[in-house]
C-alpha atoms as a PDB file:
ATOM      1  CA  LEU A   1     117.986  97.513  25.813  1.00  0.00           C
ATOM      2  CA  ASP A   2     115.246  97.142  28.388  1.00  0.00           C
ATOM      3  CA  GLY A   3     112.860  94.720  26.769  1.00  0.00           C
ATOM      4  CA  ASN A   4     110.685  95.592  23.814  1.00  0.00           C
ATOM      5  CA  LEU A   5     108.049  97.423  25.825  1.00  0.00           C
ATOM      6  CA  ARG A   6     110.400  99.635  27.814  1.00  0.00           C
ATOM      7  CA  GLY A   7     113.231  99.832  25.286  1.00  0.00           C
ATOM      8  CA  LEU A   8     111.474 100.102  21.922  1.00  0.00           C
ATOM      9  CA  LEU A   9     107.916 100.860  23.125  1.00  0.00           C
ATOM     10  CA  LEU A  10     106.595  97.715  21.399  1.00  0.00           C
ATOM     11  CA  ASP A  11     104.200  95.484  23.323  1.00  0.00           C
ATOM     12  CA  VAL A  12     105.072  92.241  21.543  1.00  0.00           C
ATOM     13  CA  GLY A  13     104.005  90.166  24.547  1.00  0.00           C
ATOM     14  CA  THR A  14     100.446  91.426  24.281  1.00  0.00           C
ATOM     15  CA  TRP A  15     100.482  91.306  20.492  1.00  0.00           C
ATOM     16  CA  ALA A  16     101.568  87.661  20.602  1.00  0.00           C
ATOM     17  CA  SER A  17      99.038  86.663  23.260  1.00  0.00           C
ATOM     18  CA  GLU A  18      96.205  88.377  21.379  1.00  0.00           C
ATOM     19  CA  GLY A  19      97.152  86.738  18.068  1.00  0.00           C
ATOM     20  CA  LEU A  20      98.046  90.027  16.401  1.00  0.00           C
ATOM     21  CA  MET A  21     101.234  88.661  14.882  1.00  0.00           C
ATOM     22  CA  ASP A  22     102.290  85.308  13.513  1.00  0.00           C
ATOM     23  CA  GLU A  23     106.063  85.690  13.437  1.00  0.00           C
ATOM     24  CA  ALA A  24     108.773  87.896  14.930  1.00  0.00           C
ATOM     25  CA  VAL A  25     112.459  88.516  14.311  1.00  0.00           C
ATOM     26  CA  ALA A  26     114.887  88.816  17.193  1.00  0.00           C
ATOM     27  CA  ALA A  27     116.782  91.673  15.581  1.00  0.00           C
ATOM     28  CA  GLY A  28     120.073  93.152  16.691  1.00  0.00           C
ATOM     29  CA  TYR A  29     118.780  95.955  18.876  1.00  0.00           C
ATOM     30  CA  TYR A  30     120.503  94.996  22.085  1.00  0.00           C
ATOM     31  CA  LEU A  31     123.482  96.070  24.149  1.00  0.00           C
ATOM     32  CA  ASN A  32     125.909  93.811  25.964  1.00  0.00           C
ATOM     33  CA  GLY A  33     124.341  90.703  24.523  1.00  0.00           C
ATOM     34  CA  THR A  34     124.403  88.245  21.677  1.00  0.00           C
ATOM     35  CA  PRO A  35     121.993  87.225  18.935  1.00  0.00           C
ATOM     36  CA  GLU A  36     121.251  84.091  20.978  1.00  0.00           C
ATOM     37  CA  MET A  37     120.323  86.181  24.015  1.00  0.00           C
ATOM     38  CA  ALA A  38     118.048  88.385  21.891  1.00  0.00           C
ATOM     39  CA  PHE A  39     116.350  85.278  20.468  1.00  0.00           C
ATOM     40  CA  GLU A  40     115.826  83.719  23.898  1.00  0.00           C
ATOM     41  CA  ALA A  41     114.487  87.012  25.310  1.00  0.00           C
ATOM     42  CA  LEU A  42     111.962  87.315  22.479  1.00  0.00           C
ATOM     43  CA  LYS A  43     111.011  83.652  22.887  1.00  0.00           C
ATOM     44  CA  LYS A  44     110.251  84.258  26.551  1.00  0.00           C
ATOM     45  CA  GLU A  45     108.429  87.511  25.839  1.00  0.00           C
ATOM     46  CA  THR A  46     106.161  85.975  23.201  1.00  0.00           C
ATOM     47  CA  GLY A  47     105.493  82.843  25.242  1.00  0.00           C
ATOM     48  CA  GLY A  48     105.891  80.469  22.316  1.00  0.00           C
ATOM     49  CA  LYS A  49     102.820  81.912  20.577  1.00  0.00           C
ATOM     50  CA  VAL A  50     104.606  83.021  17.403  1.00  0.00           C
ATOM     51  CA  ALA A  51     107.254  81.585  15.111  1.00  0.00           C
ATOM     52  CA  LEU A  52     110.614  83.250  15.683  1.00  0.00           C
ATOM     53  CA  TRP A  53     113.270  84.082  13.141  1.00  0.00           C
ATOM     54  CA  PHE A  54     116.973  84.197  13.987  1.00  0.00           C
ATOM     55  CA  TYR A  55     118.842  87.353  13.011  1.00  0.00           C
ATOM     56  CA  ALA A  56     122.404  87.381  11.672  1.00  0.00           C
ATOM     57  CA  TRP A  57     124.618  89.575   9.561  1.00  0.00           C
ATOM     58  CA  VAL A  58     125.285  88.422   6.013  1.00  0.00           C
ATOM     59  CA  PRO A  59     128.006  85.784   6.352  1.00  0.00           C
ATOM     60  CA  GLN A  60     131.490  86.357   4.978  1.00  0.00           C
ATOM     61  CA  ASN A  61     131.779  82.810   3.629  1.00  0.00           C
ATOM     62  CA  VAL A  62     130.129  79.393   3.493  1.00  0.00           C
ATOM     63  CA  ALA A  63     131.585  78.363   6.866  1.00  0.00           C
ATOM     64  CA  ASP A  64     129.955  81.406   8.490  1.00  0.00           C
ATOM     65  CA  LEU A  65     126.659  80.529   6.809  1.00  0.00           C
ATOM     66  CA  GLU A  66     126.814  76.984   8.144  1.00  0.00           C
ATOM     67  CA  ARG A  67     127.630  78.263  11.653  1.00  0.00           C
ATOM     68  CA  ASP A  68     124.666  80.675  11.632  1.00  0.00           C
ATOM     69  CA  PHE A  69     122.331  78.084  10.148  1.00  0.00           C
ATOM     70  CA  ALA A  70     123.320  75.530  12.807  1.00  0.00           C
ATOM     71  CA  LEU A  71     122.784  78.058  15.593  1.00  0.00           C
ATOM     72  CA  ALA A  72     119.374  79.059  14.243  1.00  0.00           C
ATOM     73  CA  LYS A  73     118.387  75.402  14.049  1.00  0.00           C
ATOM     74  CA  LYS A  74     119.672  74.723  17.584  1.00  0.00           C
ATOM     75  CA  LEU A  75     117.607  77.631  18.945  1.00  0.00           C
ATOM     76  CA  GLY A  76     114.484  76.425  17.141  1.00  0.00           C
ATOM     77  CA  ALA A  77     114.175  79.369  14.775  1.00  0.00           C
ATOM     78  CA  SER A  78     111.643  78.995  11.989  1.00  0.00           C
ATOM     79  CA  ARG A  79     113.692  81.149   9.607  1.00  0.00           C
ATOM     80  CA  LEU A  80     117.061  82.868   9.361  1.00  0.00           C
ATOM     81  CA  LEU A  81     117.141  86.553   8.406  1.00  0.00           C
ATOM     82  CA  PHE A  82     120.383  87.947   7.023  1.00  0.00           C
ATOM     83  CA  TRP A  83     120.549  91.650   7.718  1.00  0.00           C
ATOM     84  CA  GLU A  84     122.245  93.909   5.162  1.00  0.00           C
ATOM     85  CA  ALA A  85     121.710  91.248   2.505  1.00  0.00           C
ATOM     86  CA  ASP A  86     122.944  93.565  -0.238  1.00  0.00           C
ATOM     87  CA  TYR A  87     126.446  93.241   1.269  1.00  0.00           C
ATOM     88  CA  ILE A  88     126.699  89.777  -0.263  1.00  0.00           C
ATOM     89  CA  ASP A  89     127.920  91.398  -3.477  1.00  0.00           C
ATOM     90  CA  GLY A  90     131.130  92.399  -1.700  1.00  0.00           C
ATOM     91  CA  ARG A  91     131.976  88.929  -0.403  1.00  0.00           C
ATOM     92  CA  ALA A  92     135.166  87.349  -1.736  1.00  0.00           C
ATOM     93  CA  ASP A  93     133.423  84.239  -3.089  1.00  0.00           C
ATOM     94  CA  ARG A  94     129.838  85.406  -3.342  1.00  0.00           C
ATOM     95  CA  GLU A  95     128.912  82.757  -5.912  1.00  0.00           C
ATOM     96  CA  ALA A  96     129.798  79.922  -3.524  1.00  0.00           C
ATOM     97  CA  LEU A  97     127.968  81.694  -0.722  1.00  0.00           C
ATOM     98  CA  GLN A  98     124.892  82.216  -2.902  1.00  0.00           C
ATOM     99  CA  ARG A  99     124.904  78.545  -3.929  1.00  0.00           C
ATOM    100  CA  ALA A 100     125.115  77.474  -0.270  1.00  0.00           C
ATOM    101  CA  MET A 101     122.262  79.824   0.643  1.00  0.00           C
ATOM    102  CA  ARG A 102     120.076  78.494  -2.162  1.00  0.00           C
ATOM    103  CA  ALA A 103     120.784  74.924  -1.006  1.00  0.00           C
ATOM    104  CA  ARG A 104     119.477  75.839   2.474  1.00  0.00           C
ATOM    105  CA  ALA A 105     116.466  77.809   1.236  1.00  0.00           C
ATOM    106  CA  GLU A 106     113.003  76.308   1.421  1.00  0.00           C
ATOM    107  CA  PRO A 107     111.064  75.951  -1.825  1.00  0.00           C
END
């Protein structure tokens, strides 16, 4: 929108620099951008002082999961957050998708 401070009225830059948060999620509140752009903007705003999670919609299938996982890894995300996770129940092969997610999950 216009950065967290001007767009959402959240001063995450100050919060990060003062140690008031440990992690942040680059959520999908952006216009004319991509999840990668949101992640990079939050990375810059927090100055590398917090672990960042990558945000993605619940994948439709295992191939989508692998694509999102690879992108999160490439960006250096510490975690991958799937928004609207309850939608997994409506996926065509949810069991295969759940198995693939469990295989990628940390213990």
